Amino acid sequence: KNTVYLQMNILKPEDSAVYYCNALVVRLSG
């Protein structure tokens, strides 16, 4: 599905934030 997930349990107030997805792509060229 070309999808990554973050399952977050037992959430705390200090978990409050903007959450960002990030991808690192390495090409054959390096």
Full PDB file with SEQRES, HELIX, SHEET, SSBOND, CRYST1, ORIGX, SCALE, CONECT and MASTER records, all heavy atoms in Angstrom:
SEQRES   1 A   30  LYS ASN THR VAL TYR LEU GLN MET ASN ILE LEU LYS PRO          
SEQRES   2 A   30  GLU ASP SER ALA VAL TYR TYR CYS ASN ALA LEU VAL VAL          
SEQRES   3 A   30  ARG LEU SER GLY                                              
HELIX    1 AA1 PRO A   13  ASP A   15  5                                   3    
CRYST1    1.000    1.000    1.000  90.00  90.00  90.00 P 1           1          
ORIGX1      1.000000  0.000000  0.000000        0.00000                         
ORIGX2      0.000000  1.000000  0.000000        0.00000                         
ORIGX3      0.000000  0.000000  1.000000        0.00000                         
SCALE1      1.000000  0.000000  0.000000        0.00000                         
SCALE2      0.000000  1.000000  0.000000        0.00000                         
SCALE3      0.000000  0.000000  1.000000        0.00000                         
ATOM      1  N   LYS A   1       0.801  -1.216   0.000  1.00  0.00           N  
ATOM      2  CA  LYS A   1       0.000   0.000   0.000  1.00  0.00           C  
ATOM      3  C   LYS A   1       0.836   1.269   0.000  1.00  0.00           C  
ATOM      4  O   LYS A   1       0.289   2.371   0.057  1.00  0.00           O  
ATOM      5  CB  LYS A   1      -0.930   0.021   1.210  1.00  0.00           C  
ATOM      6  CG  LYS A   1      -1.967  -1.084   1.222  1.00  0.00           C  
ATOM      7  CD  LYS A   1      -2.868  -0.965   2.441  1.00  0.00           C  
ATOM      8  CE  LYS A   1      -3.942  -2.032   2.436  1.00  0.00           C  
ATOM      9  NZ  LYS A   1      -4.825  -1.916   3.626  1.00  0.00           N  
ATOM     10  N   ASN A   2       2.147   1.126  -0.044  1.00  0.00           N  
ATOM     11  CA  ASN A   2       3.042   2.286   0.030  1.00  0.00           C  
ATOM     12  C   ASN A   2       2.716   3.170   1.232  1.00  0.00           C  
ATOM     13  O   ASN A   2       2.679   4.400   1.135  1.00  0.00           O  
ATOM     14  CB  ASN A   2       2.962   3.117  -1.258  1.00  0.00           C  
ATOM     15  CG  ASN A   2       3.913   2.641  -2.332  1.00  0.00           C  
ATOM     16  OD1 ASN A   2       4.265   1.464  -2.399  1.00  0.00           O  
ATOM     17  ND2 ASN A   2       4.334   3.562  -3.197  1.00  0.00           N  
ATOM     18  N   THR A   3       2.511   2.539   2.372  1.00  0.00           N  
ATOM     19  CA  THR A   3       2.036   3.254   3.541  1.00  0.00           C  
ATOM     20  C   THR A   3       2.832   2.866   4.781  1.00  0.00           C  
ATOM     21  O   THR A   3       3.167   1.691   4.969  1.00  0.00           O  
ATOM     22  CB  THR A   3       0.547   2.982   3.787  1.00  0.00           C  
ATOM     23  OG1 THR A   3      -0.201   3.398   2.638  1.00  0.00           O  
ATOM     24  CG2 THR A   3       0.040   3.747   4.997  1.00  0.00           C  
ATOM     25  N   VAL A   4       3.122   3.864   5.602  1.00  0.00           N  
ATOM     26  CA  VAL A   4       3.728   3.643   6.903  1.00  0.00           C  
ATOM     27  C   VAL A   4       2.732   4.098   7.969  1.00  0.00           C  
ATOM     28  O   VAL A   4       1.968   5.049   7.753  1.00  0.00           O  
ATOM     29  CB  VAL A   4       5.080   4.378   7.033  1.00  0.00           C  
ATOM     30  CG1 VAL A   4       4.896   5.889   6.969  1.00  0.00           C  
ATOM     31  CG2 VAL A   4       5.798   3.970   8.309  1.00  0.00           C  
ATOM     32  N   TYR A   5       2.738   3.413   9.108  1.00  0.00           N  
ATOM     33  CA  TYR A   5       1.799   3.685  10.183  1.00  0.00           C  
ATOM     34  C   TYR A   5       2.545   3.980  11.474  1.00  0.00           C  
ATOM     35  O   TYR A   5       3.664   3.528  11.690  1.00  0.00           O  
ATOM     36  CB  TYR A   5       0.875   2.485  10.422  1.00  0.00           C  
ATOM     37  CG  TYR A   5       0.121   2.026   9.205  1.00  0.00           C  
ATOM     38  CD1 TYR A   5       0.617   0.996   8.409  1.00  0.00           C  
ATOM     39  CD2 TYR A   5      -1.081   2.610   8.844  1.00  0.00           C  
ATOM     40  CE1 TYR A   5      -0.070   0.566   7.288  1.00  0.00           C  
ATOM     41  CE2 TYR A   5      -1.777   2.185   7.727  1.00  0.00           C  
ATOM     42  CZ  TYR A   5      -1.266   1.163   6.951  1.00  0.00           C  
ATOM     43  OH  TYR A   5      -1.957   0.738   5.841  1.00  0.00           O  
ATOM     44  N   LEU A   6       1.887   4.722  12.339  1.00  0.00           N  
ATOM     45  CA  LEU A   6       2.345   4.890  13.706  1.00  0.00           C  
ATOM     46  C   LEU A   6       1.162   4.631  14.624  1.00  0.00           C  
ATOM     47  O   LEU A   6       0.246   5.452  14.710  1.00  0.00           O  
ATOM     48  CB  LEU A   6       2.916   6.287  13.951  1.00  0.00           C  
ATOM     49  CG  LEU A   6       3.539   6.488  15.328  1.00  0.00           C  
ATOM     50  CD1 LEU A   6       4.807   5.640  15.473  1.00  0.00           C  
ATOM     51  CD2 LEU A   6       3.863   7.960  15.580  1.00  0.00           C  
ATOM     52  N   GLN A   7       1.175   3.474  15.271  1.00  0.00           N  
ATOM     53  CA  GLN A   7       0.157   3.143  16.250  1.00  0.00           C  
ATOM     54  C   GLN A   7       0.584   3.717  17.586  1.00  0.00           C  
ATOM     55  O   GLN A   7       1.653   3.374  18.100  1.00  0.00           O  
ATOM     56  CB  GLN A   7      -0.018   1.630  16.354  1.00  0.00           C  
ATOM     57  CG  GLN A   7      -1.036   1.185  17.393  1.00  0.00           C  
ATOM     58  CD  GLN A   7      -2.444   1.587  17.035  1.00  0.00           C  
ATOM     59  OE1 GLN A   7      -2.890   1.374  15.917  1.00  0.00           O  
ATOM     60  NE2 GLN A   7      -3.157   2.182  17.992  1.00  0.00           N  
ATOM     61  N   MET A   8      -0.232   4.576  18.153  1.00  0.00           N  
ATOM     62  CA  MET A   8       0.082   5.270  19.388  1.00  0.00           C  
ATOM     63  C   MET A   8      -0.923   4.857  20.454  1.00  0.00           C  
ATOM     64  O   MET A   8      -2.119   5.120  20.316  1.00  0.00           O  
ATOM     65  CB  MET A   8       0.057   6.782  19.194  1.00  0.00           C  
ATOM     66  CG  MET A   8       0.975   7.271  18.076  1.00  0.00           C  
ATOM     67  SD  MET A   8       1.013   9.080  17.954  1.00  0.00           S  
ATOM     68  CE  MET A   8      -0.677   9.395  17.446  1.00  0.00           C  
ATOM     69  N   ASN A   9      -0.437   4.211  21.502  1.00  0.00           N  
ATOM     70  CA  ASN A   9      -1.274   3.743  22.598  1.00  0.00           C  
ATOM     71  C   ASN A   9      -0.878   4.429  23.898  1.00  0.00           C  
ATOM     72  O   ASN A   9       0.224   4.944  24.037  1.00  0.00           O  
ATOM     73  CB  ASN A   9      -1.150   2.227  22.764  1.00  0.00           C  
ATOM     74  CG  ASN A   9      -1.600   1.457  21.550  1.00  0.00           C  
ATOM     75  OD1 ASN A   9      -2.549   1.849  20.868  1.00  0.00           O  
ATOM     76  ND2 ASN A   9      -0.934   0.333  21.279  1.00  0.00           N  
ATOM     77  N   ILE A  10      -1.781   4.389  24.856  1.00  0.00           N  
ATOM     78  CA  ILE A  10      -1.565   4.977  26.176  1.00  0.00           C  
ATOM     79  C   ILE A  10      -1.025   6.395  26.024  1.00  0.00           C  
ATOM     80  O   ILE A  10      -0.004   6.770  26.600  1.00  0.00           O  
ATOM     81  CB  ILE A  10      -0.628   4.103  27.036  1.00  0.00           C  
ATOM     82  CG1 ILE A  10      -0.928   2.613  26.854  1.00  0.00           C  
ATOM     83  CG2 ILE A  10      -0.777   4.468  28.522  1.00  0.00           C  
ATOM     84  CD1 ILE A  10       0.015   1.694  27.587  1.00  0.00           C  
ATOM     85  N   LEU A  11      -1.714   7.184  25.251  1.00  0.00           N  
ATOM     86  CA  LEU A  11      -1.256   8.525  24.947  1.00  0.00           C  
ATOM     87  C   LEU A  11      -1.259   9.412  26.186  1.00  0.00           C  
ATOM     88  O   LEU A  11      -2.125   9.294  27.061  1.00  0.00           O  
ATOM     89  CB  LEU A  11      -2.117   9.143  23.857  1.00  0.00           C  
ATOM     90  CG  LEU A  11      -1.786   8.636  22.452  1.00  0.00           C  
ATOM     91  CD1 LEU A  11      -2.933   8.909  21.497  1.00  0.00           C  
ATOM     92  CD2 LEU A  11      -0.499   9.295  21.948  1.00  0.00           C  
ATOM     93  N   LYS A  12      -0.270  10.291  26.238  1.00  0.00           N  
ATOM     94  CA  LYS A  12      -0.085  11.220  27.342  1.00  0.00           C  
ATOM     95  C   LYS A  12      -0.161  12.650  26.824  1.00  0.00           C  
ATOM     96  O   LYS A  12       0.102  12.900  25.653  1.00  0.00           O  
ATOM     97  CB  LYS A  12       1.283  10.995  27.998  1.00  0.00           C  
ATOM     98  CG  LYS A  12       1.540   9.579  28.473  1.00  0.00           C  
ATOM     99  CD  LYS A  12       2.970   9.438  28.971  1.00  0.00           C  
ATOM    100  CE  LYS A  12       3.246   8.028  29.449  1.00  0.00           C  
ATOM    101  NZ  LYS A  12       4.650   7.885  29.920  1.00  0.00           N  
ATOM    102  N   PRO A  13      -0.493  13.610  27.683  1.00  0.00           N  
ATOM    103  CA  PRO A  13      -0.517  15.004  27.233  1.00  0.00           C  
ATOM    104  C   PRO A  13       0.793  15.455  26.593  1.00  0.00           C  
ATOM    105  O   PRO A  13       0.762  16.248  25.645  1.00  0.00           O  
ATOM    106  CB  PRO A  13      -0.816  15.782  28.514  1.00  0.00           C  
ATOM    107  CG  PRO A  13      -1.616  14.827  29.334  1.00  0.00           C  
ATOM    108  CD  PRO A  13      -1.008  13.476  29.057  1.00  0.00           C  
ATOM    109  N   GLU A  14       1.915  14.963  27.073  1.00  0.00           N  
ATOM    110  CA  GLU A  14       3.194  15.346  26.502  1.00  0.00           C  
ATOM    111  C   GLU A  14       3.439  14.781  25.109  1.00  0.00           C  
ATOM    112  O   GLU A  14       4.419  15.146  24.457  1.00  0.00           O  
ATOM    113  CB  GLU A  14       4.354  14.957  27.435  1.00  0.00           C  
ATOM    114  CG  GLU A  14       4.323  13.508  27.873  1.00  0.00           C  
ATOM    115  CD  GLU A  14       3.706  13.329  29.255  1.00  0.00           C  
ATOM    116  OE1 GLU A  14       2.643  13.925  29.509  1.00  0.00           O  
ATOM    117  OE2 GLU A  14       4.292  12.601  30.076  1.00  0.00           O  
ATOM    118  N   ASP A  15       2.562  13.900  24.640  1.00  0.00           N  
ATOM    119  CA  ASP A  15       2.626  13.428  23.261  1.00  0.00           C  
ATOM    120  C   ASP A  15       2.001  14.420  22.289  1.00  0.00           C  
ATOM    121  O   ASP A  15       2.132  14.247  21.075  1.00  0.00           O  
ATOM    122  CB  ASP A  15       1.927  12.078  23.108  1.00  0.00           C  
ATOM    123  CG  ASP A  15       2.615  10.960  23.869  1.00  0.00           C  
ATOM    124  OD1 ASP A  15       3.860  10.899  23.856  1.00  0.00           O  
ATOM    125  OD2 ASP A  15       1.889  10.137  24.474  1.00  0.00           O  
ATOM    126  N   SER A  16       1.316  15.427  22.792  1.00  0.00           N  
ATOM    127  CA  SER A  16       0.671  16.409  21.926  1.00  0.00           C  
ATOM    128  C   SER A  16       1.709  17.137  21.083  1.00  0.00           C  
ATOM    129  O   SER A  16       2.687  17.672  21.612  1.00  0.00           O  
ATOM    130  CB  SER A  16      -0.121  17.417  22.753  1.00  0.00           C  
ATOM    131  OG  SER A  16      -1.183  16.790  23.446  1.00  0.00           O  
ATOM    132  N   ALA A  17       1.504  17.155  19.782  1.00  0.00           N  
ATOM    133  CA  ALA A  17       2.443  17.769  18.859  1.00  0.00           C  
ATOM    134  C   ALA A  17       1.889  17.652  17.450  1.00  0.00           C  
ATOM    135  O   ALA A  17       0.904  16.953  17.209  1.00  0.00           O  
ATOM    136  CB  ALA A  17       3.812  17.085  18.932  1.00  0.00           C  
ATOM    137  N   VAL A  18       2.543  18.336  16.532  1.00  0.00           N  
ATOM    138  CA  VAL A  18       2.323  18.073  15.119  1.00  0.00           C  
ATOM    139  C   VAL A  18       3.255  16.940  14.724  1.00  0.00           C  
ATOM    140  O   VAL A  18       4.465  17.014  14.956  1.00  0.00           O  
ATOM    141  CB  VAL A  18       2.583  19.311  14.248  1.00  0.00           C  
ATOM    142  CG1 VAL A  18       2.405  18.971  12.774  1.00  0.00           C  
ATOM    143  CG2 VAL A  18       1.646  20.442  14.651  1.00  0.00           C  
ATOM    144  N   TYR A  19       2.700  15.894  14.155  1.00  0.00           N  
ATOM    145  CA  TYR A  19       3.468  14.728  13.750  1.00  0.00           C  
ATOM    146  C   TYR A  19       3.709  14.774  12.249  1.00  0.00           C  
ATOM    147  O   TYR A  19       2.780  14.983  11.459  1.00  0.00           O  
ATOM    148  CB  TYR A  19       2.738  13.443  14.129  1.00  0.00           C  
ATOM    149  CG  TYR A  19       2.848  13.109  15.599  1.00  0.00           C  
ATOM    150  CD1 TYR A  19       2.175  13.871  16.546  1.00  0.00           C  
ATOM    151  CD2 TYR A  19       3.646  12.055  16.038  1.00  0.00           C  
ATOM    152  CE1 TYR A  19       2.298  13.589  17.897  1.00  0.00           C  
ATOM    153  CE2 TYR A  19       3.766  11.770  17.387  1.00  0.00           C  
ATOM    154  CZ  TYR A  19       3.094  12.536  18.312  1.00  0.00           C  
ATOM    155  OH  TYR A  19       3.210  12.249  19.658  1.00  0.00           O  
ATOM    156  N   TYR A  20       4.967  14.568  11.858  1.00  0.00           N  
ATOM    157  CA  TYR A  20       5.379  14.654  10.470  1.00  0.00           C  
ATOM    158  C   TYR A  20       5.910  13.319   9.976  1.00  0.00           C  
ATOM    159  O   TYR A  20       6.730  12.686  10.654  1.00  0.00           O  
ATOM    160  CB  TYR A  20       6.488  15.698  10.290  1.00  0.00           C  
ATOM    161  CG  TYR A  20       6.094  17.114  10.628  1.00  0.00           C  
ATOM    162  CD1 TYR A  20       6.289  17.619  11.903  1.00  0.00           C  
ATOM    163  CD2 TYR A  20       5.543  17.943   9.658  1.00  0.00           C  
ATOM    164  CE1 TYR A  20       5.940  18.918  12.215  1.00  0.00           C  
ATOM    165  CE2 TYR A  20       5.195  19.242   9.963  1.00  0.00           C  
ATOM    166  CZ  TYR A  20       5.393  19.729  11.240  1.00  0.00           C  
ATOM    167  OH  TYR A  20       5.052  21.027  11.538  1.00  0.00           O  
ATOM    168  N   CYS A  21       5.475  12.928   8.809  1.00  0.00           N  
ATOM    169  CA  CYS A  21       6.012  11.774   8.120  1.00  0.00           C  
ATOM    170  C   CYS A  21       7.244  12.194   7.329  1.00  0.00           C  
ATOM    171  O   CYS A  21       7.283  13.284   6.754  1.00  0.00           O  
ATOM    172  CB  CYS A  21       4.950  11.197   7.191  1.00  0.00           C  
ATOM    173  SG  CYS A  21       5.427   9.704   6.312  1.00  0.00           S  
ATOM    174  N   ASN A  22       8.243  11.330   7.299  1.00  0.00           N  
ATOM    175  CA  ASN A  22       9.507  11.631   6.641  1.00  0.00           C  
ATOM    176  C   ASN A  22       9.968  10.412   5.848  1.00  0.00           C  
ATOM    177  O   ASN A  22       9.857   9.281   6.328  1.00  0.00           O  
ATOM    178  CB  ASN A  22      10.552  12.013   7.691  1.00  0.00           C  
ATOM    179  CG  ASN A  22      11.961  12.119   7.141  1.00  0.00           C  
ATOM    180  OD1 ASN A  22      12.639  11.109   6.939  1.00  0.00           O  
ATOM    181  ND2 ASN A  22      12.396  13.348   6.914  1.00  0.00           N  
ATOM    182  N   ALA A  23      10.472  10.654   4.653  1.00  0.00           N  
ATOM    183  CA  ALA A  23      11.011   9.586   3.818  1.00  0.00           C  
ATOM    184  C   ALA A  23      12.419   9.930   3.386  1.00  0.00           C  
ATOM    185  O   ALA A  23      12.679  11.042   2.921  1.00  0.00           O  
ATOM    186  CB  ALA A  23      10.134   9.354   2.592  1.00  0.00           C  
ATOM    187  N   LEU A  24      13.315   8.987   3.541  1.00  0.00           N  
ATOM    188  CA  LEU A  24      14.674   9.096   3.029  1.00  0.00           C  
ATOM    189  C   LEU A  24      14.795   8.160   1.843  1.00  0.00           C  
ATOM    190  O   LEU A  24      14.605   6.951   1.983  1.00  0.00           O  
ATOM    191  CB  LEU A  24      15.692   8.740   4.108  1.00  0.00           C  
ATOM    192  CG  LEU A  24      17.150   8.617   3.650  1.00  0.00           C  
ATOM    193  CD1 LEU A  24      17.664   9.943   3.123  1.00  0.00           C  
ATOM    194  CD2 LEU A  24      18.025   8.116   4.789  1.00  0.00           C  
ATOM    195  N   VAL A  25      15.117   8.732   0.688  1.00  0.00           N  
ATOM    196  CA  VAL A  25      15.221   7.976  -0.550  1.00  0.00           C  
ATOM    197  C   VAL A  25      16.669   8.003  -1.006  1.00  0.00           C  
ATOM    198  O   VAL A  25      17.242   9.073  -1.217  1.00  0.00           O  
ATOM    199  CB  VAL A  25      14.308   8.560  -1.643  1.00  0.00           C  
ATOM    200  CG1 VAL A  25      14.441   7.758  -2.928  1.00  0.00           C  
ATOM    201  CG2 VAL A  25      12.866   8.594  -1.165  1.00  0.00           C  
ATOM    202  N   VAL A  26      17.251   6.830  -1.152  1.00  0.00           N  
ATOM    203  CA  VAL A  26      18.619   6.699  -1.637  1.00  0.00           C  
ATOM    204  C   VAL A  26      18.569   6.162  -3.059  1.00  0.00           C  
ATOM    205  O   VAL A  26      17.989   5.103  -3.305  1.00  0.00           O  
ATOM    206  CB  VAL A  26      19.456   5.780  -0.741  1.00  0.00           C  
ATOM    207  CG1 VAL A  26      20.868   5.647  -1.303  1.00  0.00           C  
ATOM    208  CG2 VAL A  26      19.499   6.313   0.681  1.00  0.00           C  
ATOM    209  N   ARG A  27      19.163   6.868  -3.977  1.00  0.00           N  
ATOM    210  CA  ARG A  27      19.176   6.470  -5.373  1.00  0.00           C  
ATOM    211  C   ARG A  27      20.372   5.582  -5.677  1.00  0.00           C  
ATOM    212  O   ARG A  27      21.349   5.546  -4.922  1.00  0.00           O  
ATOM    213  CB  ARG A  27      19.172   7.706  -6.275  1.00  0.00           C  
ATOM    214  CG  ARG A  27      17.921   8.561  -6.125  1.00  0.00           C  
ATOM    215  CD  ARG A  27      17.963   9.785  -7.026  1.00  0.00           C  
ATOM    216  NE  ARG A  27      18.970  10.741  -6.599  1.00  0.00           N  
ATOM    217  CZ  ARG A  27      18.787  11.659  -5.657  1.00  0.00           C  
ATOM    218  NH1 ARG A  27      17.628  11.735  -5.030  1.00  0.00           N  
ATOM    219  NH2 ARG A  27      19.758  12.493  -5.349  1.00  0.00           N  
ATOM    220  N   LEU A  28      20.300   4.871  -6.781  1.00  0.00           N  
ATOM    221  CA  LEU A  28      21.378   3.971  -7.163  1.00  0.00           C  
ATOM    222  C   LEU A  28      22.692   4.709  -7.365  1.00  0.00           C  
ATOM    223  O   LEU A  28      23.765   4.132  -7.176  1.00  0.00           O  
ATOM    224  CB  LEU A  28      21.006   3.209  -8.432  1.00  0.00           C  
ATOM    225  CG  LEU A  28      19.886   2.176  -8.298  1.00  0.00           C  
ATOM    226  CD1 LEU A  28      19.562   1.579  -9.659  1.00  0.00           C  
ATOM    227  CD2 LEU A  28      20.287   1.093  -7.316  1.00  0.00           C  
ATOM    228  N   SER A  29      22.593   5.975  -7.734  1.00  0.00           N  
ATOM    229  CA  SER A  29      23.784   6.790  -7.911  1.00  0.00           C  
ATOM    230  C   SER A  29      24.484   7.110  -6.601  1.00  0.00           C  
ATOM    231  O   SER A  29      25.620   7.601  -6.609  1.00  0.00           O  
ATOM    232  CB  SER A  29      23.417   8.091  -8.617  1.00  0.00           C  
ATOM    233  OG  SER A  29      22.574   8.877  -7.803  1.00  0.00           O  
ATOM    234  N   GLY A  30      23.820   6.865  -5.491  1.00  0.00           N  
ATOM    235  CA  GLY A  30      24.333   7.234  -4.192  1.00  0.00           C  
ATOM    236  C   GLY A  30      23.748   8.515  -3.656  1.00  0.00           C  
ATOM    237  O   GLY A  30      23.918   8.831  -2.471  1.00  0.00           O  
TER     238      GLY A  30                                                      
MASTER        0    0    0    1    0    0    0    6  237    1    0    3          
END                                                                             
